[in-house]
Amino acid sequence: MPKMKTRKAAAKRYKLTASGKVKYKKQGLRHILTKKSTKRKRNLRHSGILSAAEQKKARKLLPYG
């Protein structure tokens, strides 16, 4: 049986934690930062964890992740 291919776009966006959760970088911190509050920008710096329903979809795209 051939190897399964990883979706490279998903591999660049998501990382798996040691407990198996899917981690991602939050969007909205690239440009137009002057109108965003300091608190909002600070919270966007931290990585997010996908919800359970979204994790199932992301795990299918990362077969060896």
C-alpha atoms as a PDB file:
ATOM      1  CA  MET A   1       0.000   0.000   0.000  1.00  0.00           C
ATOM      2  CA  PRO A   2       1.458   3.412  -0.933  1.00  0.00           C
ATOM      3  CA  LYS A   3       2.155   6.143   1.564  1.00  0.00           C
ATOM      4  CA  MET A   4      -0.620   8.628   2.274  1.00  0.00           C
ATOM      5  CA  LYS A   5       0.100  12.190   1.182  1.00  0.00           C
ATOM      6  CA  THR A   6       0.003  15.010   3.696  1.00  0.00           C
ATOM      7  CA  ARG A   7      -1.923  18.115   2.670  1.00  0.00           C
ATOM      8  CA  LYS A   8       0.981  20.568   2.653  1.00  0.00           C
ATOM      9  CA  ALA A   9      -1.257  23.620   3.199  1.00  0.00           C
ATOM     10  CA  ALA A  10      -2.597  22.042   6.395  1.00  0.00           C
ATOM     11  CA  ALA A  11       0.888  21.010   7.522  1.00  0.00           C
ATOM     12  CA  LYS A  12       2.001  24.649   7.328  1.00  0.00           C
ATOM     13  CA  ARG A  13      -1.009  25.918   9.276  1.00  0.00           C
ATOM     14  CA  TYR A  14      -1.438  23.317  12.022  1.00  0.00           C
ATOM     15  CA  LYS A  15       0.820  21.615  14.560  1.00  0.00           C
ATOM     16  CA  LEU A  16      -0.082  18.791  16.907  1.00  0.00           C
ATOM     17  CA  THR A  17       0.485  19.046  20.638  1.00  0.00           C
ATOM     18  CA  ALA A  18       1.822  16.161  22.719  1.00  0.00           C
ATOM     19  CA  SER A  19      -1.710  15.360  23.920  1.00  0.00           C
ATOM     20  CA  GLY A  20      -2.985  15.229  20.328  1.00  0.00           C
ATOM     21  CA  LYS A  21      -4.762  18.573  20.122  1.00  0.00           C
ATOM     22  CA  VAL A  22      -4.410  20.726  17.000  1.00  0.00           C
ATOM     23  CA  LYS A  23      -2.710  24.090  17.473  1.00  0.00           C
ATOM     24  CA  TYR A  24      -2.837  27.027  15.046  1.00  0.00           C
ATOM     25  CA  LYS A  25      -1.722  30.655  14.805  1.00  0.00           C
ATOM     26  CA  LYS A  26      -4.549  33.152  15.176  1.00  0.00           C
ATOM     27  CA  GLN A  27      -5.336  35.414  12.232  1.00  0.00           C
ATOM     28  CA  GLY A  28      -5.557  39.182  12.259  1.00  0.00           C
ATOM     29  CA  LEU A  29      -2.083  40.281  13.340  1.00  0.00           C
ATOM     30  CA  ARG A  30      -0.444  41.054   9.985  1.00  0.00           C
ATOM     31  CA  HIS A  31      -1.593  44.564   9.038  1.00  0.00           C
ATOM     32  CA  ILE A  32      -4.075  47.338   9.953  1.00  0.00           C
ATOM     33  CA  LEU A  33      -2.916  47.114  13.556  1.00  0.00           C
ATOM     34  CA  THR A  34      -3.529  50.749  14.518  1.00  0.00           C
ATOM     35  CA  LYS A  35      -7.285  50.350  14.934  1.00  0.00           C
ATOM     36  CA  LYS A  36      -6.941  47.178  17.034  1.00  0.00           C
ATOM     37  CA  SER A  37      -6.628  47.553  20.786  1.00  0.00           C
ATOM     38  CA  THR A  38      -3.464  46.544  22.619  1.00  0.00           C
ATOM     39  CA  LYS A  39      -5.382  43.879  24.529  1.00  0.00           C
ATOM     40  CA  ARG A  40      -6.722  42.386  21.301  1.00  0.00           C
ATOM     41  CA  LYS A  41      -3.274  42.300  19.683  1.00  0.00           C
ATOM     42  CA  ARG A  42      -1.754  40.727  22.788  1.00  0.00           C
ATOM     43  CA  ASN A  43      -4.387  37.965  22.796  1.00  0.00           C
ATOM     44  CA  LEU A  44      -3.828  37.311  19.081  1.00  0.00           C
ATOM     45  CA  ARG A  45      -0.142  36.548  19.728  1.00  0.00           C
ATOM     46  CA  HIS A  46      -0.929  33.305  21.527  1.00  0.00           C
ATOM     47  CA  SER A  47      -1.696  30.192  19.526  1.00  0.00           C
ATOM     48  CA  GLY A  48      -5.212  28.776  19.540  1.00  0.00           C
ATOM     49  CA  ILE A  49      -6.564  25.240  19.892  1.00  0.00           C
ATOM     50  CA  LEU A  50      -9.115  23.964  17.377  1.00  0.00           C
ATOM     51  CA  SER A  51     -12.522  22.835  18.605  1.00  0.00           C
ATOM     52  CA  ALA A  52     -13.257  19.107  18.708  1.00  0.00           C
ATOM     53  CA  ALA A  53     -15.302  19.183  15.478  1.00  0.00           C
ATOM     54  CA  GLU A  54     -12.600  21.100  13.600  1.00  0.00           C
ATOM     55  CA  GLN A  55      -9.867  18.838  15.002  1.00  0.00           C
ATOM     56  CA  LYS A  56     -11.457  15.816  13.331  1.00  0.00           C
ATOM     57  CA  LYS A  57     -11.322  17.574   9.952  1.00  0.00           C
ATOM     58  CA  ALA A  58      -7.730  18.744  10.441  1.00  0.00           C
ATOM     59  CA  ARG A  59      -6.480  15.302  11.542  1.00  0.00           C
ATOM     60  CA  LYS A  60      -7.668  13.812   8.222  1.00  0.00           C
ATOM     61  CA  LEU A  61      -5.431  16.306   6.388  1.00  0.00           C
ATOM     62  CA  LEU A  62      -2.427  15.349   8.549  1.00  0.00           C
ATOM     63  CA  PRO A  63      -2.274  11.548   8.390  1.00  0.00           C
ATOM     64  CA  TYR A  64       1.221  11.299   9.900  1.00  0.00           C
ATOM     65  CA  GLY A  65       0.974  14.312  12.191  1.00  0.00           C
END
